[in-house]
Amino acid sequence: MADKLNINVDGLDNVIDKFDNYTRNTIQEIANEINIGGLKIQGTAKRNCPVDTGRLRASIYLNPASINNLVAKIYSNVNYGPYVEDRVNFLEDAFEEHIDNIISNLEEKLGDF
């Protein structure tokens, strides 16, 4: 009596490779969509940011999403940025303006999955 049963399926490695590529491509498309949304939020935040010297506006950056980290971060690195945000809400308002569209675009991408 046999202890093992071996089954070989020709082409299975090719199917697995195609699935891996599809998954990587899908994740990359999601990261791209997040980054497009992040750029929109960044642009709106810069437009809505109060300007005295322009330093705060110039310091609004986007740390983009990647295939390994599906998070885009829009931030300012000046020490008084949080105080201005608390008073004016330029980042929060930019987020609120674009988030529904970002979610809709992501749902559309994931709907194909």
Protein backbone atom coordinates (compact mmCIF):
# COMPACT_ATOMS: atom_id res chain seq x y z
CA MET A 1 0.00 0.00 0.00
CA ALA A 2 1.31 3.47 -0.94
CA ASP A 3 2.02 6.07 1.73
CA LYS A 4 1.88 9.01 -0.71
CA LEU A 5 -0.19 10.09 -3.64
CA ASN A 6 1.58 12.46 -6.01
CA ILE A 7 -0.43 14.40 -8.55
CA ASN A 8 1.27 16.52 -11.19
CA VAL A 9 -0.78 19.17 -12.96
CA ASP A 10 0.89 20.50 -16.08
CA GLY A 11 0.75 24.29 -16.25
CA LEU A 12 -0.14 24.85 -12.58
CA ASP A 13 3.06 26.86 -12.01
CA ASN A 14 2.05 29.11 -14.90
CA VAL A 15 -1.41 29.67 -13.37
CA ILE A 16 0.14 30.52 -9.99
CA ASP A 17 2.57 32.96 -11.64
CA LYS A 18 -0.30 34.64 -13.50
CA PHE A 19 -2.30 34.92 -10.26
CA ASP A 20 0.71 36.44 -8.45
CA ASN A 21 1.17 38.96 -11.27
CA TYR A 22 -2.55 39.76 -11.24
CA THR A 23 -2.46 40.28 -7.50
CA ARG A 24 0.66 42.48 -7.68
CA ASN A 25 -0.85 44.49 -10.53
CA THR A 26 -4.11 44.91 -8.66
CA ILE A 27 -2.34 46.07 -5.51
CA GLN A 28 -0.23 48.48 -7.59
CA GLU A 29 -3.40 49.89 -9.17
CA ILE A 30 -4.85 50.42 -5.69
CA ALA A 31 -1.64 52.15 -4.55
CA ASN A 32 -1.79 54.37 -7.65
CA GLU A 33 -5.40 55.30 -6.92
CA ILE A 34 -4.52 56.14 -3.31
CA ASN A 35 -1.66 58.33 -4.57
CA ILE A 36 -3.90 60.14 -7.04
CA GLY A 37 -6.26 60.90 -4.17
CA GLY A 38 -3.34 61.93 -1.99
CA LEU A 39 -2.12 64.37 -4.63
CA LYS A 40 -5.59 65.89 -4.83
CA ILE A 41 -5.74 66.29 -1.05
CA GLN A 42 -2.23 67.78 -1.01
CA GLY A 43 -3.09 70.28 -3.74
CA THR A 44 -6.29 71.38 -2.05
CA ALA A 45 -4.55 71.66 1.33
CA LYS A 46 -1.88 73.88 -0.23
CA ARG A 47 -4.53 76.09 -1.83
CA ASN A 48 -6.48 76.35 1.45
CA CYS A 49 -3.44 76.86 3.68
CA PRO A 50 -3.12 80.37 5.10
CA VAL A 51 -0.02 82.16 3.89
CA ASP A 52 2.22 84.53 5.77
CA THR A 53 5.71 83.65 4.55
CA GLY A 54 4.69 80.62 2.46
CA ARG A 55 6.80 78.23 4.51
CA LEU A 56 3.84 76.19 5.77
CA ARG A 57 2.31 75.90 2.31
CA ALA A 58 5.64 74.79 0.83
CA SER A 59 6.05 72.19 3.58
CA ILE A 60 2.90 70.18 2.77
CA TYR A 61 4.24 66.89 1.48
CA LEU A 62 2.87 63.60 0.21
CA ASN A 63 4.49 60.38 1.36
CA PRO A 64 3.07 58.06 -1.34
CA ALA A 65 1.51 54.66 -0.95
CA SER A 66 3.39 51.66 -2.34
CA ILE A 67 2.65 48.04 -3.10
CA ASN A 68 4.01 47.19 0.38
CA ASN A 69 2.26 50.00 2.24
CA LEU A 70 -1.15 51.12 0.99
CA VAL A 71 -1.13 54.34 2.98
CA ALA A 72 -0.51 57.83 1.62
CA LYS A 73 0.44 60.43 4.20
CA ILE A 74 -0.09 64.15 3.65
CA TYR A 75 1.73 66.18 6.25
CA SER A 76 3.70 69.29 7.09
CA ASN A 77 7.02 69.17 8.88
CA VAL A 78 7.00 72.71 10.27
CA ASN A 79 6.61 72.88 14.03
CA TYR A 80 3.66 75.30 13.96
CA GLY A 81 1.70 73.32 11.34
CA PRO A 82 -0.52 71.51 13.87
CA TYR A 83 -1.48 74.80 15.52
CA VAL A 84 -2.51 76.33 12.20
CA GLU A 85 -4.41 73.14 11.31
CA ASP A 86 -6.27 73.31 14.64
CA ARG A 87 -7.30 76.87 13.84
CA VAL A 88 -8.03 76.62 10.10
CA ASN A 89 -8.51 72.88 9.29
CA PHE A 90 -6.89 73.19 5.86
CA LEU A 91 -5.75 69.52 5.83
CA GLU A 92 -8.95 68.11 7.29
CA ASP A 93 -11.10 70.14 4.89
CA ALA A 94 -9.02 68.94 1.92
CA PHE A 95 -9.44 65.35 3.10
CA GLU A 96 -13.21 65.77 3.49
CA GLU A 97 -13.47 67.32 0.03
CA HIS A 98 -11.85 64.34 -1.71
CA ILE A 99 -12.45 61.24 0.43
CA ASP A 100 -15.79 60.21 -1.10
CA ASN A 101 -14.32 60.31 -4.59
CA ILE A 102 -11.24 58.38 -3.47
CA ILE A 103 -13.40 55.68 -1.87
CA SER A 104 -15.59 55.49 -4.95
CA ASN A 105 -12.56 55.04 -7.21
CA LEU A 106 -11.13 52.35 -4.93
CA GLU A 107 -14.46 50.51 -4.85
CA GLU A 108 -14.51 50.61 -8.63
CA LYS A 109 -11.02 49.09 -8.78
CA LEU A 110 -11.89 46.44 -6.22
CA GLY A 111 -15.19 45.69 -7.96
CA ASP A 112 -13.18 44.25 -10.85
CA PHE A 113 -11.43 41.89 -8.45
